[in-house]
PDB file of N, CA and C in Angstrom:
ATOM      1  N   MET A   1     -45.730   6.159  -2.065  1.00  0.00           N
ATOM      2  CA  MET A   1     -44.722   7.057  -2.578  1.00  0.00           C
ATOM      3  C   MET A   1     -43.528   7.146  -1.627  1.00  0.00           C
ATOM      4  N   LYS A   2     -43.815   7.176  -0.313  1.00  0.00           N
ATOM      5  CA  LYS A   2     -42.723   7.241   0.659  1.00  0.00           C
ATOM      6  C   LYS A   2     -41.855   5.991   0.582  1.00  0.00           C
ATOM      7  N   THR A   3     -42.459   4.855   0.312  1.00  0.00           N
ATOM      8  CA  THR A   3     -41.720   3.602   0.221  1.00  0.00           C
ATOM      9  C   THR A   3     -40.729   3.646  -0.937  1.00  0.00           C
ATOM     10  N   ILE A   4     -41.169   4.167  -2.067  1.00  0.00           N
ATOM     11  CA  ILE A   4     -40.283   4.258  -3.231  1.00  0.00           C
ATOM     12  C   ILE A   4     -39.137   5.230  -2.945  1.00  0.00           C
ATOM     13  N   THR A   5     -39.431   6.346  -2.331  1.00  0.00           N
ATOM     14  CA  THR A   5     -38.407   7.328  -2.001  1.00  0.00           C
ATOM     15  C   THR A   5     -37.405   6.743  -1.001  1.00  0.00           C
ATOM     16  N   LEU A   6     -37.912   6.033  -0.020  1.00  0.00           N
ATOM     17  CA  LEU A   6     -37.056   5.402   0.978  1.00  0.00           C
ATOM     18  C   LEU A   6     -36.171   4.340   0.330  1.00  0.00           C
ATOM     19  N   PHE A   7     -36.749   3.519  -0.543  1.00  0.00           N
ATOM     20  CA  PHE A   7     -35.997   2.483  -1.237  1.00  0.00           C
ATOM     21  C   PHE A   7     -34.912   3.104  -2.114  1.00  0.00           C
ATOM     22  N   ALA A   8     -35.254   4.168  -2.838  1.00  0.00           N
ATOM     23  CA  ALA A   8     -34.285   4.847  -3.701  1.00  0.00           C
ATOM     24  C   ALA A   8     -33.140   5.426  -2.866  1.00  0.00           C
ATOM     25  N   GLY A   9     -33.464   5.942  -1.686  1.00  0.00           N
ATOM     26  CA  GLY A   9     -32.440   6.471  -0.802  1.00  0.00           C
ATOM     27  C   GLY A   9     -31.477   5.391  -0.333  1.00  0.00           C
ATOM     28  N   PHE A  10     -32.030   4.231   0.052  1.00  0.00           N
ATOM     29  CA  PHE A  10     -31.178   3.115   0.481  1.00  0.00           C
ATOM     30  C   PHE A  10     -30.307   2.617  -0.668  1.00  0.00           C
ATOM     31  N   LEU A  11     -30.884   2.558  -1.852  1.00  0.00           N
ATOM     32  CA  LEU A  11     -30.141   2.099  -3.022  1.00  0.00           C
ATOM     33  C   LEU A  11     -28.985   3.052  -3.330  1.00  0.00           C
ATOM     34  N   LEU A  12     -29.245   4.337  -3.270  1.00  0.00           N
ATOM     35  CA  LEU A  12     -28.207   5.336  -3.508  1.00  0.00           C
ATOM     36  C   LEU A  12     -27.090   5.221  -2.469  1.00  0.00           C
ATOM     37  N   MET A  13     -27.466   5.056  -1.213  1.00  0.00           N
ATOM     38  CA  MET A  13     -26.469   4.909  -0.147  1.00  0.00           C
ATOM     39  C   MET A  13     -25.614   3.661  -0.362  1.00  0.00           C
ATOM     40  N   ALA A  14     -26.246   2.578  -0.802  1.00  0.00           N
ATOM     41  CA  ALA A  14     -25.511   1.336  -1.049  1.00  0.00           C
ATOM     42  C   ALA A  14     -24.468   1.540  -2.147  1.00  0.00           C
ATOM     43  N   PHE A  15     -24.856   2.193  -3.239  1.00  0.00           N
ATOM     44  CA  PHE A  15     -23.912   2.426  -4.327  1.00  0.00           C
ATOM     45  C   PHE A  15     -22.758   3.330  -3.895  1.00  0.00           C
ATOM     46  N   LEU A  16     -23.057   4.356  -3.141  1.00  0.00           N
ATOM     47  CA  LEU A  16     -22.005   5.258  -2.664  1.00  0.00           C
ATOM     48  C   LEU A  16     -21.065   4.543  -1.707  1.00  0.00           C
ATOM     49  N   SER A  17     -21.597   3.691  -0.870  1.00  0.00           N
ATOM     50  CA  SER A  17     -20.770   2.941   0.082  1.00  0.00           C
ATOM     51  C   SER A  17     -19.856   1.969  -0.643  1.00  0.00           C
ATOM     52  N   LEU A  18     -20.361   1.290  -1.651  1.00  0.00           N
ATOM     53  CA  LEU A  18     -19.549   0.337  -2.402  1.00  0.00           C
ATOM     54  C   LEU A  18     -18.405   1.047  -3.116  1.00  0.00           C
ATOM     55  N   GLY A  19     -18.661   2.223  -3.631  1.00  0.00           N
ATOM     56  CA  GLY A  19     -17.603   2.989  -4.290  1.00  0.00           C
ATOM     57  C   GLY A  19     -16.496   3.353  -3.326  1.00  0.00           C
ATOM     58  N   THR A  20     -16.850   3.685  -2.115  1.00  0.00           N
ATOM     59  CA  THR A  20     -15.865   4.030  -1.097  1.00  0.00           C
ATOM     60  C   THR A  20     -15.053   2.807  -0.702  1.00  0.00           C
ATOM     61  N   LEU A  21     -15.708   1.667  -0.553  1.00  0.00           N
ATOM     62  CA  LEU A  21     -15.004   0.456  -0.164  1.00  0.00           C
ATOM     63  C   LEU A  21     -14.085  -0.050  -1.264  1.00  0.00           C
ATOM     64  N   ALA A  22     -14.464   0.161  -2.519  1.00  0.00           N
ATOM     65  CA  ALA A  22     -13.675  -0.351  -3.636  1.00  0.00           C
ATOM     66  C   ALA A  22     -12.377   0.428  -3.823  1.00  0.00           C
ATOM     67  N   ALA A  23     -12.357   1.674  -3.435  1.00  0.00           N
ATOM     68  CA  ALA A  23     -11.166   2.495  -3.614  1.00  0.00           C
ATOM     69  C   ALA A  23     -10.123   2.142  -2.560  1.00  0.00           C
ATOM     70  N   SER A  24      -8.925   1.843  -3.013  1.00  0.00           N
ATOM     71  CA  SER A  24      -7.841   1.517  -2.087  1.00  0.00           C
ATOM     72  C   SER A  24      -7.066   2.782  -1.772  1.00  0.00           C
ATOM     73  N   SER A  25      -6.597   2.872  -0.558  1.00  0.00           N
ATOM     74  CA  SER A  25      -5.784   4.023  -0.178  1.00  0.00           C
ATOM     75  C   SER A  25      -4.375   3.842  -0.745  1.00  0.00           C
ATOM     76  N   ASN A  26      -3.626   4.916  -0.731  1.00  0.00           N
ATOM     77  CA  ASN A  26      -2.241   4.846  -1.193  1.00  0.00           C
ATOM     78  C   ASN A  26      -1.425   3.863  -0.359  1.00  0.00           C
ATOM     79  N   LEU A  27      -1.674   3.827   0.949  1.00  0.00           N
ATOM     80  CA  LEU A  27      -0.936   2.899   1.804  1.00  0.00           C
ATOM     81  C   LEU A  27      -1.282   1.450   1.454  1.00  0.00           C
ATOM     82  N   ASP A  28      -2.558   1.187   1.156  1.00  0.00           N
ATOM     83  CA  ASP A  28      -2.948  -0.167   0.742  1.00  0.00           C
ATOM     84  C   ASP A  28      -2.222  -0.568  -0.541  1.00  0.00           C
ATOM     85  N   GLN A  29      -2.123   0.365  -1.475  1.00  0.00           N
ATOM     86  CA  GLN A  29      -1.405   0.090  -2.719  1.00  0.00           C
ATOM     87  C   GLN A  29       0.084  -0.148  -2.449  1.00  0.00           C
ATOM     88  N   ALA A  30       0.649   0.631  -1.535  1.00  0.00           N
ATOM     89  CA  ALA A  30       2.066   0.446  -1.182  1.00  0.00           C
ATOM     90  C   ALA A  30       2.286  -0.951  -0.606  1.00  0.00           C
ATOM     91  N   ILE A  31       1.361  -1.396   0.232  1.00  0.00           N
ATOM     92  CA  ILE A  31       1.475  -2.735   0.823  1.00  0.00           C
ATOM     93  C   ILE A  31       1.407  -3.798  -0.264  1.00  0.00           C
ATOM     94  N   GLN A  32       0.476  -3.651  -1.201  1.00  0.00           N
ATOM     95  CA  GLN A  32       0.336  -4.637  -2.276  1.00  0.00           C
ATOM     96  C   GLN A  32       1.599  -4.730  -3.124  1.00  0.00           C
ATOM     97  N   HIS A  33       2.173  -3.581  -3.470  1.00  0.00           N
ATOM     98  CA  HIS A  33       3.396  -3.603  -4.283  1.00  0.00           C
ATOM     99  C   HIS A  33       4.589  -4.129  -3.483  1.00  0.00           C
ATOM    100  N   ALA A  34       4.665  -3.789  -2.207  1.00  0.00           N
ATOM    101  CA  ALA A  34       5.761  -4.303  -1.373  1.00  0.00           C
ATOM    102  C   ALA A  34       5.636  -5.816  -1.206  1.00  0.00           C
ATOM    103  N   GLU A  35       4.403  -6.313  -1.095  1.00  0.00           N
ATOM    104  CA  GLU A  35       4.210  -7.766  -1.016  1.00  0.00           C
ATOM    105  C   GLU A  35       4.628  -8.439  -2.323  1.00  0.00           C
ATOM    106  N   ALA A  36       4.328  -7.803  -3.444  1.00  0.00           N
ATOM    107  CA  ALA A  36       4.760  -8.346  -4.740  1.00  0.00           C
ATOM    108  C   ALA A  36       6.281  -8.368  -4.825  1.00  0.00           C
ATOM    109  N   ALA A  37       6.924  -7.326  -4.323  1.00  0.00           N
ATOM    110  CA  ALA A  37       8.394  -7.287  -4.301  1.00  0.00           C
ATOM    111  C   ALA A  37       8.939  -8.416  -3.434  1.00  0.00           C
ATOM    112  N   MET A  38       8.302  -8.617  -2.296  1.00  0.00           N
ATOM    113  CA  MET A  38       8.732  -9.647  -1.345  1.00  0.00           C
ATOM    114  C   MET A  38       8.658 -11.045  -1.978  1.00  0.00           C
ATOM    115  N   LYS A  39       7.675 -11.261  -2.842  1.00  0.00           N
ATOM    116  CA  LYS A  39       7.463 -12.582  -3.452  1.00  0.00           C
ATOM    117  C   LYS A  39       8.236 -12.778  -4.753  1.00  0.00           C
ATOM    118  N   SER A  40       8.780 -11.694  -5.298  1.00  0.00           N
ATOM    119  CA  SER A  40       9.516 -11.791  -6.564  1.00  0.00           C
ATOM    120  C   SER A  40      10.807 -12.564  -6.377  1.00  0.00           C
ATOM    121  N   GLU A  41      11.232 -13.201  -7.438  1.00  0.00           N
ATOM    122  CA  GLU A  41      12.425 -14.054  -7.381  1.00  0.00           C
ATOM    123  C   GLU A  41      13.617 -13.454  -8.129  1.00  0.00           C
ATOM    124  N   LYS A  42      13.407 -12.300  -8.758  1.00  0.00           N
ATOM    125  CA  LYS A  42      14.479 -11.658  -9.515  1.00  0.00           C
ATOM    126  C   LYS A  42      14.723 -10.262  -8.964  1.00  0.00           C
ATOM    127  N   GLY A  43      15.981  -9.895  -8.900  1.00  0.00           N
ATOM    128  CA  GLY A  43      16.365  -8.613  -8.329  1.00  0.00           C
ATOM    129  C   GLY A  43      15.714  -7.424  -9.013  1.00  0.00           C
ATOM    130  N   LYS A  44      15.711  -7.414 -10.330  1.00  0.00           N
ATOM    131  CA  LYS A  44      15.142  -6.275 -11.075  1.00  0.00           C
ATOM    132  C   LYS A  44      13.637  -6.169 -10.825  1.00  0.00           C
ATOM    133  N   SER A  45      12.974  -7.290 -10.707  1.00  0.00           N
ATOM    134  CA  SER A  45      11.534  -7.293 -10.434  1.00  0.00           C
ATOM    135  C   SER A  45      11.250  -6.760  -9.029  1.00  0.00           C
ATOM    136  N   ILE A  46      12.077  -7.147  -8.083  1.00  0.00           N
ATOM    137  CA  ILE A  46      11.934  -6.640  -6.716  1.00  0.00           C
ATOM    138  C   ILE A  46      12.102  -5.124  -6.713  1.00  0.00           C
ATOM    139  N   ALA A  47      13.138  -4.658  -7.402  1.00  0.00           N
ATOM    140  CA  ALA A  47      13.392  -3.213  -7.461  1.00  0.00           C
ATOM    141  C   ALA A  47      12.224  -2.480  -8.107  1.00  0.00           C
ATOM    142  N   LYS A  48      11.644  -3.064  -9.147  1.00  0.00           N
ATOM    143  CA  LYS A  48      10.515  -2.433  -9.842  1.00  0.00           C
ATOM    144  C   LYS A  48       9.306  -2.314  -8.918  1.00  0.00           C
ATOM    145  N   HIS A  49       8.948  -3.408  -8.254  1.00  0.00           N
ATOM    146  CA  HIS A  49       7.796  -3.384  -7.340  1.00  0.00           C
ATOM    147  C   HIS A  49       8.056  -2.479  -6.137  1.00  0.00           C
ATOM    148  N   ALA A  50       9.277  -2.514  -5.633  1.00  0.00           N
ATOM    149  CA  ALA A  50       9.620  -1.671  -4.482  1.00  0.00           C
ATOM    150  C   ALA A  50       9.553  -0.191  -4.856  1.00  0.00           C
ATOM    151  N   THR A  51       9.934   0.140  -6.083  1.00  0.00           N
ATOM    152  CA  THR A  51       9.850   1.524  -6.549  1.00  0.00           C
ATOM    153  C   THR A  51       8.397   1.985  -6.601  1.00  0.00           C
ATOM    154  N   GLU A  52       7.514   1.132  -7.119  1.00  0.00           N
ATOM    155  CA  GLU A  52       6.086   1.462  -7.152  1.00  0.00           C
ATOM    156  C   GLU A  52       5.533   1.608  -5.736  1.00  0.00           C
ATOM    157  N   ALA A  53       5.924   0.692  -4.862  1.00  0.00           N
ATOM    158  CA  ALA A  53       5.465   0.754  -3.470  1.00  0.00           C
ATOM    159  C   ALA A  53       5.912   2.048  -2.812  1.00  0.00           C
ATOM    160  N   LYS A  54       7.132   2.461  -3.106  1.00  0.00           N
ATOM    161  CA  LYS A  54       7.677   3.687  -2.508  1.00  0.00           C
ATOM    162  C   LYS A  54       6.902   4.916  -2.985  1.00  0.00           C
ATOM    163  N   LYS A  55       6.497   4.930  -4.257  1.00  0.00           N
ATOM    164  CA  LYS A  55       5.697   6.045  -4.786  1.00  0.00           C
ATOM    165  C   LYS A  55       4.380   6.158  -4.016  1.00  0.00           C
ATOM    166  N   TYR A  56       3.711   5.014  -3.839  1.00  0.00           N
ATOM    167  CA  TYR A  56       2.434   5.025  -3.120  1.00  0.00           C
ATOM    168  C   TYR A  56       2.620   5.368  -1.644  1.00  0.00           C
ATOM    169  N   ALA A  57       3.693   4.863  -1.051  1.00  0.00           N
ATOM    170  CA  ALA A  57       3.949   5.152   0.364  1.00  0.00           C
ATOM    171  C   ALA A  57       4.182   6.649   0.574  1.00  0.00           C
ATOM    172  N   ASN A  58       4.951   7.252  -0.305  1.00  0.00           N
ATOM    173  CA  ASN A  58       5.174   8.696  -0.200  1.00  0.00           C
ATOM    174  C   ASN A  58       3.881   9.473  -0.433  1.00  0.00           C
ATOM    175  N   ALA A  59       3.057   8.991  -1.356  1.00  0.00           N
ATOM    176  CA  ALA A  59       1.773   9.656  -1.625  1.00  0.00           C
ATOM    177  C   ALA A  59       0.834   9.546  -0.428  1.00  0.00           C
ATOM    178  N   SER A  60       0.982   8.472   0.348  1.00  0.00           N
ATOM    179  CA  SER A  60       0.092   8.277   1.494  1.00  0.00           C
ATOM    180  C   SER A  60       0.330   9.306   2.595  1.00  0.00           C
ATOM    181  N   LYS A  61       1.456   9.996   2.535  1.00  0.00           N
ATOM    182  CA  LYS A  61       1.725  11.039   3.527  1.00  0.00           C
ATOM    183  C   LYS A  61       0.692  12.159   3.434  1.00  0.00           C
ATOM    184  N   GLY A  62       0.107  12.317   2.258  1.00  0.00           N
ATOM    185  CA  GLY A  62      -0.900  13.356   2.066  1.00  0.00           C
ATOM    186  C   GLY A  62      -2.327  12.879   2.263  1.00  0.00           C
ATOM    187  N   ASP A  63      -2.507  11.579   2.513  1.00  0.00           N
ATOM    188  CA  ASP A  63      -3.864  11.046   2.708  1.00  0.00           C
ATOM    189  C   ASP A  63      -4.444  11.561   4.011  1.00  0.00           C
ATOM    190  N   SER A  64      -5.658  12.037   3.938  1.00  0.00           N
ATOM    191  CA  SER A  64      -6.318  12.541   5.145  1.00  0.00           C
ATOM    192  C   SER A  64      -7.499  11.673   5.545  1.00  0.00           C
ATOM    193  N   ASP A  65      -7.745  10.595   4.788  1.00  0.00           N
ATOM    194  CA  ASP A  65      -8.906   9.756   5.077  1.00  0.00           C
ATOM    195  C   ASP A  65      -8.662   8.737   6.179  1.00  0.00           C
ATOM    196  N   LYS A  66      -7.412   8.533   6.572  1.00  0.00           N
ATOM    197  CA  LYS A  66      -7.117   7.617   7.678  1.00  0.00           C
ATOM    198  C   LYS A  66      -5.874   8.072   8.419  1.00  0.00           C
ATOM    199  N   VAL A  67      -5.785   7.682   9.664  1.00  0.00           N
ATOM    200  CA  VAL A  67      -4.634   8.044  10.489  1.00  0.00           C
ATOM    201  C   VAL A  67      -3.508   7.051  10.206  1.00  0.00           C
ATOM    202  N   ILE A  68      -2.334   7.582   9.936  1.00  0.00           N
ATOM    203  CA  ILE A  68      -1.180   6.748   9.618  1.00  0.00           C
ATOM    204  C   ILE A  68      -0.058   7.088  10.589  1.00  0.00           C
ATOM    205  N   ASN A  69       0.544   6.055  11.166  1.00  0.00           N
ATOM    206  CA  ASN A  69       1.681   6.232  12.054  1.00  0.00           C
ATOM    207  C   ASN A  69       2.900   6.586  11.205  1.00  0.00           C
ATOM    208  N   ARG A  70       3.326   7.841  11.280  1.00  0.00           N
ATOM    209  CA  ARG A  70       4.394   8.336  10.412  1.00  0.00           C
ATOM    210  C   ARG A  70       5.736   7.660  10.676  1.00  0.00           C
ATOM    211  N   LYS A  71       5.998   7.278  11.926  1.00  0.00           N
ATOM    212  CA  LYS A  71       7.277   6.628  12.238  1.00  0.00           C
ATOM    213  C   LYS A  71       7.398   5.316  11.460  1.00  0.00           C
ATOM    214  N   HIS A  72       6.346   4.508  11.498  1.00  0.00           N
ATOM    215  CA  HIS A  72       6.390   3.229  10.774  1.00  0.00           C
ATOM    216  C   HIS A  72       6.360   3.455   9.267  1.00  0.00           C
ATOM    217  N   LEU A  73       5.633   4.462   8.826  1.00  0.00           N
ATOM    218  CA  LEU A  73       5.601   4.769   7.391  1.00  0.00           C
ATOM    219  C   LEU A  73       7.008   5.124   6.906  1.00  0.00           C
ATOM    220  N   ASP A  74       7.694   5.993   7.639  1.00  0.00           N
ATOM    221  CA  ASP A  74       9.045   6.390   7.244  1.00  0.00           C
ATOM    222  C   ASP A  74      10.022   5.217   7.285  1.00  0.00           C
ATOM    223  N   GLU A  75       9.875   4.348   8.291  1.00  0.00           N
ATOM    224  CA  GLU A  75      10.734   3.159   8.373  1.00  0.00           C
ATOM    225  C   GLU A  75      10.476   2.228   7.186  1.00  0.00           C
ATOM    226  N   GLY A  76       9.210   2.087   6.819  1.00  0.00           N
ATOM    227  CA  GLY A  76       8.859   1.250   5.666  1.00  0.00           C
ATOM    228  C   GLY A  76       9.445   1.798   4.377  1.00  0.00           C
ATOM    229  N   ILE A  77       9.404   3.114   4.226  1.00  0.00           N
ATOM    230  CA  ILE A  77       9.973   3.748   3.033  1.00  0.00           C
ATOM    231  C   ILE A  77      11.485   3.529   2.988  1.00  0.00           C
ATOM    232  N   LYS A  78      12.125   3.615   4.151  1.00  0.00           N
ATOM    233  CA  LYS A  78      13.570   3.350   4.218  1.00  0.00           C
ATOM    234  C   LYS A  78      13.865   1.904   3.801  1.00  0.00           C
ATOM    235  N   CYS A  79      13.043   0.971   4.272  1.00  0.00           N
ATOM    236  CA  CYS A  79      13.217  -0.440   3.898  1.00  0.00           C
ATOM    237  C   CYS A  79      13.051  -0.631   2.386  1.00  0.00           C
ATOM    238  N   LEU A  80      12.109   0.103   1.793  1.00  0.00           N
ATOM    239  CA  LEU A  80      11.919   0.007   0.341  1.00  0.00           C
ATOM    240  C   LEU A  80      13.129   0.544  -0.409  1.00  0.00           C
ATOM    241  N   SER A  81      13.729   1.618   0.100  1.00  0.00           N
ATOM    242  CA  SER A  81      14.951   2.148  -0.527  1.00  0.00           C
ATOM    243  C   SER A  81      16.045   1.091  -0.511  1.00  0.00           C
ATOM    244  N   ASP A  82      16.147   0.384   0.616  1.00  0.00           N
ATOM    245  CA  ASP A  82      17.133  -0.703   0.716  1.00  0.00           C
ATOM    246  C   ASP A  82      16.797  -1.815  -0.274  1.00  0.00           C
ATOM    247  N   ALA A  83      15.517  -2.170  -0.377  1.00  0.00           N
ATOM    248  CA  ALA A  83      15.096  -3.234  -1.295  1.00  0.00           C
ATOM    249  C   ALA A  83      15.416  -2.858  -2.741  1.00  0.00           C
ATOM    250  N   ILE A  84      15.240  -1.596  -3.080  1.00  0.00           N
ATOM    251  CA  ILE A  84      15.544  -1.137  -4.442  1.00  0.00           C
ATOM    252  C   ILE A  84      17.041  -1.294  -4.733  1.00  0.00           C
ATOM    253  N   LYS A  85      17.875  -0.804  -3.806  1.00  0.00           N
ATOM    254  CA  LYS A  85      19.329  -0.904  -4.002  1.00  0.00           C
ATOM    255  C   LYS A  85      19.769  -2.368  -4.085  1.00  0.00           C
ATOM    256  N   GLU A  86      19.264  -3.186  -3.168  1.00  0.00           N
ATOM    257  CA  GLU A  86      19.655  -4.599  -3.140  1.00  0.00           C
ATOM    258  C   GLU A  86      19.134  -5.345  -4.365  1.00  0.00           C
ATOM    259  N   GLY A  87      17.926  -5.007  -4.798  1.00  0.00           N
ATOM    260  CA  GLY A  87      17.370  -5.642  -5.991  1.00  0.00           C
ATOM    261  C   GLY A  87      18.161  -5.279  -7.232  1.00  0.00           C
ATOM    262  N   GLU A  88      18.543  -4.012  -7.349  1.00  0.00           N
ATOM    263  CA  GLU A  88      19.324  -3.577  -8.509  1.00  0.00           C
ATOM    264  C   GLU A  88      20.709  -4.210  -8.541  1.00  0.00           C
ATOM    265  N   SER A  89      21.251  -4.536  -7.354  1.00  0.00           N
ATOM    266  CA  SER A  89      22.556  -5.212  -7.315  1.00  0.00           C
ATOM    267  C   SER A  89      22.397  -6.731  -7.298  1.00  0.00           C
ATOM    268  N   ASP A  90      21.161  -7.193  -7.507  1.00  0.00           N
ATOM    269  CA  ASP A  90      20.823  -8.622  -7.628  1.00  0.00           C
ATOM    270  C   ASP A  90      21.065  -9.425  -6.347  1.00  0.00           C
ATOM    271  N   ASP A  91      20.978  -8.771  -5.209  1.00  0.00           N
ATOM    272  CA  ASP A  91      21.044  -9.455  -3.916  1.00  0.00           C
ATOM    273  C   ASP A  91      19.597  -9.795  -3.517  1.00  0.00           C
ATOM    274  N   VAL A  92      19.084 -10.873  -4.116  1.00  0.00           N
ATOM    275  CA  VAL A  92      17.657 -11.214  -4.031  1.00  0.00           C
ATOM    276  C   VAL A  92      17.193 -11.445  -2.601  1.00  0.00           C
ATOM    277  N   LYS A  93      17.913 -12.230  -1.842  1.00  0.00           N
ATOM    278  CA  LYS A  93      17.486 -12.549  -0.465  1.00  0.00           C
ATOM    279  C   LYS A  93      17.403 -11.302   0.407  1.00  0.00           C
ATOM    280  N   ALA A  94      18.421 -10.459   0.320  1.00  0.00           N
ATOM    281  CA  ALA A  94      18.421  -9.227   1.119  1.00  0.00           C
ATOM    282  C   ALA A  94      17.296  -8.294   0.674  1.00  0.00           C
ATOM    283  N   ALA A  95      17.056  -8.219  -0.635  1.00  0.00           N
ATOM    284  CA  ALA A  95      15.987  -7.359  -1.156  1.00  0.00           C
ATOM    285  C   ALA A  95      14.616  -7.862  -0.708  1.00  0.00           C
ATOM    286  N   GLN A  96      14.424  -9.180  -0.742  1.00  0.00           N
ATOM    287  CA  GLN A  96      13.155  -9.752  -0.268  1.00  0.00           C
ATOM    288  C   GLN A  96      12.951  -9.464   1.212  1.00  0.00           C
ATOM    289  N   LYS A  97      14.017  -9.565   1.997  1.00  0.00           N
ATOM    290  CA  LYS A  97      13.928  -9.288   3.434  1.00  0.00           C
ATOM    291  C   LYS A  97      13.564  -7.823   3.681  1.00  0.00           C
ATOM    292  N   SER A  98      14.181  -6.935   2.932  1.00  0.00           N
ATOM    293  CA  SER A  98      13.872  -5.508   3.083  1.00  0.00           C
ATOM    294  C   SER A  98      12.428  -5.214   2.698  1.00  0.00           C
ATOM    295  N   ALA A  99      11.938  -5.856   1.636  1.00  0.00           N
ATOM    296  CA  ALA A  99      10.541  -5.675   1.223  1.00  0.00           C
ATOM    297  C   ALA A  99       9.600  -6.219   2.288  1.00  0.00           C
ATOM    298  N   LYS A 100       9.963  -7.348   2.887  1.00  0.00           N
ATOM    299  CA  LYS A 100       9.148  -7.933   3.956  1.00  0.00           C
ATOM    300  C   LYS A 100       9.095  -6.985   5.155  1.00  0.00           C
ATOM    301  N   ASP A 101      10.239  -6.409   5.501  1.00  0.00           N
ATOM    302  CA  ASP A 101      10.281  -5.447   6.604  1.00  0.00           C
ATOM    303  C   ASP A 101       9.398  -4.235   6.304  1.00  0.00           C
ATOM    304  N   ALA A 102       9.405  -3.791   5.040  1.00  0.00           N
ATOM    305  CA  ALA A 102       8.567  -2.659   4.644  1.00  0.00           C
ATOM    306  C   ALA A 102       7.084  -2.993   4.828  1.00  0.00           C
ATOM    307  N   VAL A 103       6.686  -4.188   4.429  1.00  0.00           N
ATOM    308  CA  VAL A 103       5.285  -4.614   4.582  1.00  0.00           C
ATOM    309  C   VAL A 103       4.888  -4.575   6.052  1.00  0.00           C
ATOM    310  N   GLU A 104       5.760  -5.093   6.910  1.00  0.00           N
ATOM    311  CA  GLU A 104       5.461  -5.111   8.344  1.00  0.00           C
ATOM    312  C   GLU A 104       5.307  -3.690   8.894  1.00  0.00           C
ATOM    313  N   HIS A 105       6.183  -2.787   8.478  1.00  0.00           N
ATOM    314  CA  HIS A 105       6.084  -1.402   8.937  1.00  0.00           C
ATOM    315  C   HIS A 105       4.802  -0.740   8.425  1.00  0.00           C
ATOM    316  N   PHE A 106       4.474  -0.987   7.169  1.00  0.00           N
ATOM    317  CA  PHE A 106       3.271  -0.375   6.596  1.00  0.00           C
ATOM    318  C   PHE A 106       2.011  -0.887   7.282  1.00  0.00           C
ATOM    319  N   LYS A 107       1.995  -2.169   7.601  1.00  0.00           N
ATOM    320  CA  LYS A 107       0.824  -2.702   8.303  1.00  0.00           C
ATOM    321  C   LYS A 107       0.705  -2.108   9.701  1.00  0.00           C
ATOM    322  N   GLN A 108       1.832  -1.886  10.360  1.00  0.00           N
ATOM    323  CA  GLN A 108       1.808  -1.237  11.664  1.00  0.00           C
ATOM    324  C   GLN A 108       1.429   0.233  11.534  1.00  0.00           C
ATOM    325  N   ALA A 109       1.833   0.864  10.450  1.00  0.00           N
ATOM    326  CA  ALA A 109       1.484   2.270  10.226  1.00  0.00           C
ATOM    327  C   ALA A 109      -0.021   2.434  10.024  1.00  0.00           C
ATOM    328  N   ALA A 110      -0.646   1.422   9.464  1.00  0.00           N
ATOM    329  CA  ALA A 110      -2.076   1.488   9.166  1.00  0.00           C
ATOM    330  C   ALA A 110      -2.922   1.261  10.421  1.00  0.00           C
ATOM    331  N   ASN A 111      -2.361   0.661  11.442  1.00  0.00           N
ATOM    332  CA  ASN A 111      -3.139   0.362  12.658  1.00  0.00           C
ATOM    333  C   ASN A 111      -3.151   1.505  13.643  1.00  0.00           C
TER     334      ASN A 111
END
């Protein structure tokens, strides 16, 4: 009986752990959208992805599950604002560069 109870406990822990690992943080989502913006070839698409990334980046300010370097987070958000403006004005290269800078800041914020 103890073996079954022990096995059930391990199984439950495994399922709970997988659920935690599968959930992405807001900062992770911001990085994914900023990377999509960086790889986009059209200004409007860059602006769209950068806007989504900015929403997640701002939401990550309230995340309490991990420590985030606020200086890099704020710099990344500023870069996304630039990417949005540049993407909307169809300055693709500048918008991609701004999105790339945002990704770098977000990755540093996560460390």
